[in-house]
């Protein structure tokens, strides 16, 4: 347990950030699974557009490394293109 006031504040801030980051990563993982389970190309394209926006935002916030976000976007795009 921190004794210094600023350390206590950092602890609460980091706990809040950790909870938000976990929630955001879980939302992205769920969206990726939905794209992979898409039945048609049209449905896949719609879901892919939303996932790409999420991944771009996550990479900007460094929730994911930018290269990882780019790799995931490419993999999902290939998957959706294979549906058609």
PDB file of N, CA and C in Angstrom:
ATOM      1  N   UNK A   1       0.848  -1.183   0.000  1.00  0.00           N
ATOM      2  CA  UNK A   1       0.000   0.000   0.000  1.00  0.00           C
ATOM      3  C   UNK A   1       0.888   1.240   0.000  1.00  0.00           C
ATOM      4  N   UNK A   2       0.658   2.151  -0.901  1.00  0.00           N
ATOM      5  CA  UNK A   2       1.494   3.357  -0.948  1.00  0.00           C
ATOM      6  C   UNK A   2       1.183   4.302   0.217  1.00  0.00           C
ATOM      7  N   UNK A   3       2.228   4.986   0.646  1.00  0.00           N
ATOM      8  CA  UNK A   3       2.079   5.960   1.729  1.00  0.00           C
ATOM      9  C   UNK A   3       2.004   7.383   1.203  1.00  0.00           C
ATOM     10  N   UNK A   4       2.585   7.592   0.036  1.00  0.00           N
ATOM     11  CA  UNK A   4       2.645   8.938  -0.532  1.00  0.00           C
ATOM     12  C   UNK A   4       1.336   9.227  -1.262  1.00  0.00           C
ATOM     13  N   UNK A   5       0.857  10.448  -1.113  1.00  0.00           N
ATOM     14  CA  UNK A   5      -0.443  10.826  -1.667  1.00  0.00           C
ATOM     15  C   UNK A   5      -0.487  10.646  -3.183  1.00  0.00           C
ATOM     16  N   UNK A   6       0.568  11.062  -3.876  1.00  0.00           N
ATOM     17  CA  UNK A   6       0.574  10.949  -5.339  1.00  0.00           C
ATOM     18  C   UNK A   6       0.601   9.483  -5.774  1.00  0.00           C
ATOM     19  N   UNK A   7       1.268   8.626  -4.999  1.00  0.00           N
ATOM     20  CA  UNK A   7       1.306   7.202  -5.322  1.00  0.00           C
ATOM     21  C   UNK A   7      -0.070   6.573  -5.133  1.00  0.00           C
ATOM     22  N   UNK A   8      -0.791   7.016  -4.105  1.00  0.00           N
ATOM     23  CA  UNK A   8      -2.157   6.521  -3.904  1.00  0.00           C
ATOM     24  C   UNK A   8      -3.043   6.910  -5.076  1.00  0.00           C
ATOM     25  N   UNK A   9      -2.881   8.152  -5.521  1.00  0.00           N
ATOM     26  CA  UNK A   9      -3.682   8.626  -6.651  1.00  0.00           C
ATOM     27  C   UNK A   9      -3.350   7.824  -7.907  1.00  0.00           C
ATOM     28  N   UNK A  10      -2.051   7.589  -8.151  1.00  0.00           N
ATOM     29  CA  UNK A  10      -1.657   6.815  -9.323  1.00  0.00           C
ATOM     30  C   UNK A  10      -2.235   5.406  -9.256  1.00  0.00           C
ATOM     31  N   UNK A  11      -2.289   4.844  -8.057  1.00  0.00           N
ATOM     32  CA  UNK A  11      -2.819   3.497  -7.902  1.00  0.00           C
ATOM     33  C   UNK A  11      -4.293   3.440  -8.296  1.00  0.00           C
ATOM     34  N   UNK A  12      -5.071   4.420  -7.853  1.00  0.00           N
ATOM     35  CA  UNK A  12      -6.488   4.420  -8.212  1.00  0.00           C
ATOM     36  C   UNK A  12      -6.666   4.705  -9.699  1.00  0.00           C
ATOM     37  N   UNK A  13      -5.848   5.617 -10.246  1.00  0.00           N
ATOM     38  CA  UNK A  13      -5.958   5.927 -11.673  1.00  0.00           C
ATOM     39  C   UNK A  13      -5.585   4.721 -12.525  1.00  0.00           C
ATOM     40  N   UNK A  14      -4.523   4.013 -12.127  1.00  0.00           N
ATOM     41  CA  UNK A  14      -4.114   2.862 -12.926  1.00  0.00           C
ATOM     42  C   UNK A  14      -5.134   1.731 -12.820  1.00  0.00           C
ATOM     43  N   UNK A  15      -5.785   1.592 -11.673  1.00  0.00           N
ATOM     44  CA  UNK A  15      -6.828   0.574 -11.538  1.00  0.00           C
ATOM     45  C   UNK A  15      -8.010   0.899 -12.444  1.00  0.00           C
ATOM     46  N   UNK A  16      -8.374   2.169 -12.523  1.00  0.00           N
ATOM     47  CA  UNK A  16      -9.463   2.589 -13.406  1.00  0.00           C
ATOM     48  C   UNK A  16      -9.096   2.346 -14.861  1.00  0.00           C
ATOM     49  N   UNK A  17      -7.867   2.727 -15.227  1.00  0.00           N
ATOM     50  CA  UNK A  17      -7.419   2.545 -16.606  1.00  0.00           C
ATOM     51  C   UNK A  17      -7.355   1.065 -16.958  1.00  0.00           C
ATOM     52  N   UNK A  18      -6.876   0.246 -16.022  1.00  0.00           N
ATOM     53  CA  UNK A  18      -6.773  -1.191 -16.277  1.00  0.00           C
ATOM     54  C   UNK A  18      -8.148  -1.791 -16.527  1.00  0.00           C
ATOM     55  N   UNK A  19      -9.134  -1.385 -15.748  1.00  0.00           N
ATOM     56  CA  UNK A  19     -10.495  -1.896 -15.933  1.00  0.00           C
ATOM     57  C   UNK A  19     -11.057  -1.479 -17.289  1.00  0.00           C
ATOM     58  N   UNK A  20     -10.831  -0.233 -17.678  1.00  0.00           N
ATOM     59  CA  UNK A  20     -11.326   0.245 -18.968  1.00  0.00           C
ATOM     60  C   UNK A  20     -10.625  -0.469 -20.116  1.00  0.00           C
ATOM     61  N   UNK A  21      -9.306  -0.654 -19.993  1.00  0.00           N
ATOM     62  CA  UNK A  21      -8.551  -1.335 -21.043  1.00  0.00           C
ATOM     63  C   UNK A  21      -9.000  -2.783 -21.191  1.00  0.00           C
ATOM     64  N   UNK A  22      -9.231  -3.453 -20.064  1.00  0.00           N
ATOM     65  CA  UNK A  22      -9.701  -4.840 -20.132  1.00  0.00           C
ATOM     66  C   UNK A  22     -11.054  -4.912 -20.827  1.00  0.00           C
ATOM     67  N   UNK A  23     -11.930  -3.976 -20.504  1.00  0.00           N
ATOM     68  CA  UNK A  23     -13.253  -3.937 -21.112  1.00  0.00           C
ATOM     69  C   UNK A  23     -13.148  -3.690 -22.616  1.00  0.00           C
ATOM     70  N   UNK A  24     -12.304  -2.739 -22.999  1.00  0.00           N
ATOM     71  CA  UNK A  24     -12.148  -2.420 -24.419  1.00  0.00           C
ATOM     72  C   UNK A  24     -11.569  -3.599 -25.190  1.00  0.00           C
ATOM     73  N   UNK A  25     -10.548  -4.258 -24.615  1.00  0.00           N
ATOM     74  CA  UNK A  25      -9.951  -5.413 -25.293  1.00  0.00           C
ATOM     75  C   UNK A  25     -10.965  -6.541 -25.433  1.00  0.00           C
ATOM     76  N   UNK A  26     -11.784  -6.749 -24.419  1.00  0.00           N
ATOM     77  CA  UNK A  26     -12.806  -7.797 -24.484  1.00  0.00           C
ATOM     78  C   UNK A  26     -13.826  -7.481 -25.575  1.00  0.00           C
ATOM     79  N   UNK A  27     -14.211  -6.193 -25.686  1.00  0.00           N
ATOM     80  CA  UNK A  27     -15.172  -5.798 -26.716  1.00  0.00           C
ATOM     81  C   UNK A  27     -14.586  -6.037 -28.114  1.00  0.00           C
ATOM     82  N   UNK A  28     -13.305  -5.746 -28.284  1.00  0.00           N
ATOM     83  CA  UNK A  28     -12.656  -5.953 -29.581  1.00  0.00           C
ATOM     84  C   UNK A  28     -12.567  -7.445 -29.888  1.00  0.00           C
ATOM     85  N   UNK A  29     -12.185  -8.255 -28.899  1.00  0.00           N
ATOM     86  CA  UNK A  29     -12.097  -9.701 -29.128  1.00  0.00           C
ATOM     87  C   UNK A  29     -13.451 -10.276 -29.529  1.00  0.00           C
ATOM     88  N   UNK A  30     -14.516  -9.821 -28.885  1.00  0.00           N
ATOM     89  CA  UNK A  30     -15.860 -10.299 -29.220  1.00  0.00           C
ATOM     90  C   UNK A  30     -16.228  -9.905 -30.642  1.00  0.00           C
ATOM     91  N   UNK A  31     -15.899  -8.677 -31.034  1.00  0.00           N
ATOM     92  CA  UNK A  31     -16.213  -8.213 -32.386  1.00  0.00           C
ATOM     93  C   UNK A  31     -15.436  -9.015 -33.420  1.00  0.00           C
ATOM     94  N   UNK A  32     -14.179  -9.350 -33.114  1.00  0.00           N
ATOM     95  CA  UNK A  32     -13.366 -10.148 -34.039  1.00  0.00           C
ATOM     96  C   UNK A  32     -13.991 -11.528 -34.217  1.00  0.00           C
ATOM     97  N   UNK A  33     -14.464 -12.120 -33.127  1.00  0.00           N
ATOM     98  CA  UNK A  33     -15.106 -13.433 -33.216  1.00  0.00           C
ATOM     99  C   UNK A  33     -16.356 -13.371 -34.088  1.00  0.00           C
ATOM    100  N   UNK A  34     -17.114 -12.268 -33.981  1.00  0.00           N
ATOM    101  CA  UNK A  34     -18.316 -12.130 -34.799  1.00  0.00           C
ATOM    102  C   UNK A  34     -17.963 -12.052 -36.275  1.00  0.00           C
ATOM    103  N   UNK A  35     -16.867 -11.364 -36.611  1.00  0.00           N
ATOM    104  CA  UNK A  35     -16.439 -11.288 -38.013  1.00  0.00           C
ATOM    105  C   UNK A  35     -16.071 -12.679 -38.501  1.00  0.00           C
ATOM    106  N   UNK A  36     -15.358 -13.445 -37.682  1.00  0.00           N
ATOM    107  CA  UNK A  36     -14.938 -14.789 -38.086  1.00  0.00           C
ATOM    108  C   UNK A  36     -16.121 -15.733 -38.243  1.00  0.00           C
ATOM    109  N   UNK A  37     -17.220 -15.470 -37.525  1.00  0.00           N
ATOM    110  CA  UNK A  37     -18.393 -16.337 -37.601  1.00  0.00           C
ATOM    111  C   UNK A  37     -19.420 -15.846 -38.612  1.00  0.00           C
ATOM    112  N   UNK A  38     -19.101 -14.797 -39.350  1.00  0.00           N
ATOM    113  CA  UNK A  38     -20.054 -14.223 -40.305  1.00  0.00           C
ATOM    114  C   UNK A  38     -20.407 -15.260 -41.365  1.00  0.00           C
ATOM    115  N   UNK A  39     -21.682 -15.306 -41.706  1.00  0.00           N
ATOM    116  CA  UNK A  39     -22.172 -16.275 -42.680  1.00  0.00           C
ATOM    117  C   UNK A  39     -21.981 -15.787 -44.112  1.00  0.00           C
ATOM    118  N   UNK A  40     -22.250 -14.509 -44.351  1.00  0.00           N
ATOM    119  CA  UNK A  40     -22.186 -13.981 -45.717  1.00  0.00           C
ATOM    120  C   UNK A  40     -21.123 -12.894 -45.813  1.00  0.00           C
ATOM    121  N   UNK A  41     -20.742 -12.587 -47.050  1.00  0.00           N
ATOM    122  CA  UNK A  41     -19.735 -11.552 -47.283  1.00  0.00           C
ATOM    123  C   UNK A  41     -20.264 -10.178 -46.890  1.00  0.00           C
ATOM    124  N   UNK A  42     -21.558  -9.931 -47.132  1.00  0.00           N
ATOM    125  CA  UNK A  42     -22.132  -8.622 -46.799  1.00  0.00           C
ATOM    126  C   UNK A  42     -22.097  -8.396 -45.283  1.00  0.00           C
ATOM    127  N   UNK A  43     -22.504  -9.422 -44.551  1.00  0.00           N
ATOM    128  CA  UNK A  43     -22.481  -9.324 -43.094  1.00  0.00           C
ATOM    129  C   UNK A  43     -21.047  -9.141 -42.600  1.00  0.00           C
ATOM    130  N   UNK A  44     -20.128  -9.882 -43.204  1.00  0.00           N
ATOM    131  CA  UNK A  44     -18.723  -9.776 -42.828  1.00  0.00           C
ATOM    132  C   UNK A  44     -18.161  -8.396 -43.086  1.00  0.00           C
ATOM    133  N   UNK A  45     -18.528  -7.802 -44.234  1.00  0.00           N
ATOM    134  CA  UNK A  45     -18.033  -6.456 -44.561  1.00  0.00           C
ATOM    135  C   UNK A  45     -18.533  -5.432 -43.543  1.00  0.00           C
ATOM    136  N   UNK A  46     -19.803  -5.545 -43.177  1.00  0.00           N
ATOM    137  CA  UNK A  46     -20.377  -4.610 -42.207  1.00  0.00           C
ATOM    138  C   UNK A  46     -19.664  -4.720 -40.862  1.00  0.00           C
ATOM    139  N   UNK A  47     -19.477  -5.955 -40.399  1.00  0.00           N
ATOM    140  CA  UNK A  47     -18.809  -6.165 -39.116  1.00  0.00           C
ATOM    141  C   UNK A  47     -17.337  -5.773 -39.188  1.00  0.00           C
ATOM    142  N   UNK A  48     -16.709  -6.046 -40.333  1.00  0.00           N
ATOM    143  CA  UNK A  48     -15.291  -5.719 -40.493  1.00  0.00           C
ATOM    144  C   UNK A  48     -15.056  -4.221 -40.382  1.00  0.00           C
ATOM    145  N   UNK A  49     -15.952  -3.436 -40.962  1.00  0.00           N
ATOM    146  CA  UNK A  49     -15.803  -1.982 -40.910  1.00  0.00           C
ATOM    147  C   UNK A  49     -15.773  -1.502 -39.454  1.00  0.00           C
ATOM    148  N   UNK A  50     -16.649  -2.075 -38.630  1.00  0.00           N
ATOM    149  CA  UNK A  50     -16.693  -1.682 -37.219  1.00  0.00           C
ATOM    150  C   UNK A  50     -15.427  -2.128 -36.481  1.00  0.00           C
ATOM    151  N   UNK A  51     -14.951  -3.334 -36.785  1.00  0.00           N
ATOM    152  CA  UNK A  51     -13.761  -3.847 -36.106  1.00  0.00           C
ATOM    153  C   UNK A  51     -12.524  -3.047 -36.489  1.00  0.00           C
ATOM    154  N   UNK A  52     -12.430  -2.653 -37.755  1.00  0.00           N
ATOM    155  CA  UNK A  52     -11.279  -1.859 -38.199  1.00  0.00           C
ATOM    156  C   UNK A  52     -11.240  -0.531 -37.449  1.00  0.00           C
ATOM    157  N   UNK A  53     -12.401   0.088 -37.269  1.00  0.00           N
ATOM    158  CA  UNK A  53     -12.450   1.347 -36.519  1.00  0.00           C
ATOM    159  C   UNK A  53     -12.012   1.125 -35.073  1.00  0.00           C
ATOM    160  N   UNK A  54     -12.474   0.028 -34.462  1.00  0.00           N
ATOM    161  CA  UNK A  54     -12.080  -0.277 -33.085  1.00  0.00           C
ATOM    162  C   UNK A  54     -10.574  -0.499 -32.975  1.00  0.00           C
ATOM    163  N   UNK A  55     -10.022  -1.258 -33.927  1.00  0.00           N
ATOM    164  CA  UNK A  55      -8.592  -1.553 -33.883  1.00  0.00           C
ATOM    165  C   UNK A  55      -7.754  -0.302 -34.101  1.00  0.00           C
ATOM    166  N   UNK A  56      -8.201   0.568 -35.008  1.00  0.00           N
ATOM    167  CA  UNK A  56      -7.466   1.818 -35.231  1.00  0.00           C
ATOM    168  C   UNK A  56      -7.452   2.667 -33.962  1.00  0.00           C
ATOM    169  N   UNK A  57      -8.596   2.746 -33.300  1.00  0.00           N
ATOM    170  CA  UNK A  57      -8.678   3.512 -32.063  1.00  0.00           C
ATOM    171  C   UNK A  57      -7.791   2.888 -30.982  1.00  0.00           C
ATOM    172  N   UNK A  58      -7.804   1.553 -30.916  1.00  0.00           N
ATOM    173  CA  UNK A  58      -6.996   0.859 -29.912  1.00  0.00           C
ATOM    174  C   UNK A  58      -5.504   1.051 -30.177  1.00  0.00           C
ATOM    175  N   UNK A  59      -5.115   1.053 -31.445  1.00  0.00           N
ATOM    176  CA  UNK A  59      -3.703   1.256 -31.773  1.00  0.00           C
ATOM    177  C   UNK A  59      -3.276   2.681 -31.454  1.00  0.00           C
ATOM    178  N   UNK A  60      -4.160   3.640 -31.682  1.00  0.00           N
ATOM    179  CA  UNK A  60      -3.853   5.033 -31.367  1.00  0.00           C
ATOM    180  C   UNK A  60      -3.652   5.206 -29.865  1.00  0.00           C
ATOM    181  N   UNK A  61      -4.477   4.527 -29.090  1.00  0.00           N
ATOM    182  CA  UNK A  61      -4.381   4.616 -27.631  1.00  0.00           C
ATOM    183  C   UNK A  61      -3.336   3.663 -27.062  1.00  0.00           C
ATOM    184  N   UNK A  62      -2.640   2.912 -27.943  1.00  0.00           N
ATOM    185  CA  UNK A  62      -1.620   1.936 -27.564  1.00  0.00           C
ATOM    186  C   UNK A  62      -2.207   0.799 -26.724  1.00  0.00           C
ATOM    187  N   UNK A  63      -3.487   0.531 -26.921  1.00  0.00           N
ATOM    188  CA  UNK A  63      -4.110  -0.623 -26.296  1.00  0.00           C
ATOM    189  C   UNK A  63      -3.580  -1.888 -26.965  1.00  0.00           C
ATOM    190  N   UNK A  64      -3.391  -1.804 -28.272  1.00  0.00           N
ATOM    191  CA  UNK A  64      -2.698  -2.812 -29.062  1.00  0.00           C
ATOM    192  C   UNK A  64      -1.526  -2.131 -29.739  1.00  0.00           C
ATOM    193  N   UNK A  65      -0.470  -2.896 -29.987  1.00  0.00           N
ATOM    194  CA  UNK A  65       0.643  -2.353 -30.764  1.00  0.00           C
ATOM    195  C   UNK A  65       0.128  -2.078 -32.174  1.00  0.00           C
ATOM    196  N   UNK A  66       0.555  -0.988 -32.803  1.00  0.00           N
ATOM    197  CA  UNK A  66       0.054  -0.668 -34.149  1.00  0.00           C
ATOM    198  C   UNK A  66       0.278  -1.783 -35.166  1.00  0.00           C
ATOM    199  N   UNK A  67       1.421  -2.487 -35.064  1.00  0.00           N
ATOM    200  CA  UNK A  67       1.669  -3.588 -36.001  1.00  0.00           C
ATOM    201  C   UNK A  67       0.678  -4.728 -35.779  1.00  0.00           C
ATOM    202  N   UNK A  68       0.343  -4.988 -34.521  1.00  0.00           N
ATOM    203  CA  UNK A  68      -0.618  -6.050 -34.223  1.00  0.00           C
ATOM    204  C   UNK A  68      -1.991  -5.684 -34.772  1.00  0.00           C
ATOM    205  N   UNK A  69      -2.374  -4.425 -34.606  1.00  0.00           N
ATOM    206  CA  UNK A  69      -3.667  -3.980 -35.126  1.00  0.00           C
ATOM    207  C   UNK A  69      -3.696  -4.124 -36.644  1.00  0.00           C
ATOM    208  N   UNK A  70      -2.601  -3.743 -37.311  1.00  0.00           N
ATOM    209  CA  UNK A  70      -2.536  -3.854 -38.769  1.00  0.00           C
ATOM    210  C   UNK A  70      -2.613  -5.312 -39.200  1.00  0.00           C
ATOM    211  N   UNK A  71      -1.924  -6.185 -38.468  1.00  0.00           N
ATOM    212  CA  UNK A  71      -1.934  -7.606 -38.805  1.00  0.00           C
ATOM    213  C   UNK A  71      -3.335  -8.192 -38.645  1.00  0.00           C
ATOM    214  N   UNK A  72      -4.011  -7.840 -37.562  1.00  0.00           N
ATOM    215  CA  UNK A  72      -5.371  -8.334 -37.347  1.00  0.00           C
ATOM    216  C   UNK A  72      -6.319  -7.841 -38.438  1.00  0.00           C
ATOM    217  N   UNK A  73      -6.183  -6.565 -38.817  1.00  0.00           N
ATOM    218  CA  UNK A  73      -7.050  -6.012 -39.865  1.00  0.00           C
ATOM    219  C   UNK A  73      -6.839  -6.765 -41.174  1.00  0.00           C
ATOM    220  N   UNK A  74      -5.585  -7.056 -41.511  1.00  0.00           N
ATOM    221  CA  UNK A  74      -5.299  -7.784 -42.743  1.00  0.00           C
ATOM    222  C   UNK A  74      -5.841  -9.197 -42.718  1.00  0.00           C
ATOM    223  N   UNK A  75      -5.666  -9.864 -41.598  1.00  0.00           N
ATOM    224  CA  UNK A  75      -6.163 -11.234 -41.476  1.00  0.00           C
ATOM    225  C   UNK A  75      -7.683 -11.281 -41.600  1.00  0.00           C
ATOM    226  N   UNK A  76      -8.353 -10.341 -40.953  1.00  0.00           N
ATOM    227  CA  UNK A  76      -9.814 -10.320 -41.013  1.00  0.00           C
ATOM    228  C   UNK A  76     -10.299  -9.964 -42.416  1.00  0.00           C
ATOM    229  N   UNK A  77      -9.596  -9.049 -43.084  1.00  0.00           N
ATOM    230  CA  UNK A  77      -9.981  -8.681 -44.450  1.00  0.00           C
ATOM    231  C   UNK A  77      -9.841  -9.882 -45.377  1.00  0.00           C
ATOM    232  N   UNK A  78      -8.753 -10.642 -45.217  1.00  0.00           N
ATOM    233  CA  UNK A  78      -8.581 -11.854 -46.036  1.00  0.00           C
ATOM    234  C   UNK A  78      -9.699 -12.843 -45.766  1.00  0.00           C
ATOM    235  N   UNK A  79     -10.073 -12.975 -44.507  1.00  0.00           N
ATOM    236  CA  UNK A  79     -11.139 -13.908 -44.145  1.00  0.00           C
ATOM    237  C   UNK A  79     -12.467 -13.500 -44.790  1.00  0.00           C
ATOM    238  N   UNK A  80     -12.786 -12.209 -44.735  1.00  0.00           N
ATOM    239  CA  UNK A  80     -14.051 -11.723 -45.304  1.00  0.00           C
ATOM    240  C   UNK A  80     -14.031 -11.853 -46.823  1.00  0.00           C
ATOM    241  N   UNK A  81     -12.886 -11.577 -47.445  1.00  0.00           N
ATOM    242  CA  UNK A  81     -12.796 -11.706 -48.901  1.00  0.00           C
ATOM    243  C   UNK A  81     -12.970 -13.153 -49.341  1.00  0.00           C
ATOM    244  N   UNK A  82     -12.549 -14.093 -48.510  1.00  0.00           N
ATOM    245  CA  UNK A  82     -12.708 -15.507 -48.845  1.00  0.00           C
ATOM    246  C   UNK A  82     -14.168 -15.939 -48.774  1.00  0.00           C
ATOM    247  N   UNK A  83     -14.994 -15.202 -48.043  1.00  0.00           N
ATOM    248  CA  UNK A  83     -16.414 -15.553 -47.944  1.00  0.00           C
ATOM    249  C   UNK A  83     -17.145 -15.324 -49.264  1.00  0.00           C
ATOM    250  N   UNK A  84     -16.698 -14.338 -50.031  1.00  0.00           N
ATOM    251  CA  UNK A  84     -17.432 -14.008 -51.260  1.00  0.00           C
ATOM    252  C   UNK A  84     -17.051 -14.912 -52.412  1.00  0.00           C
TER     253      UNK A  84
END
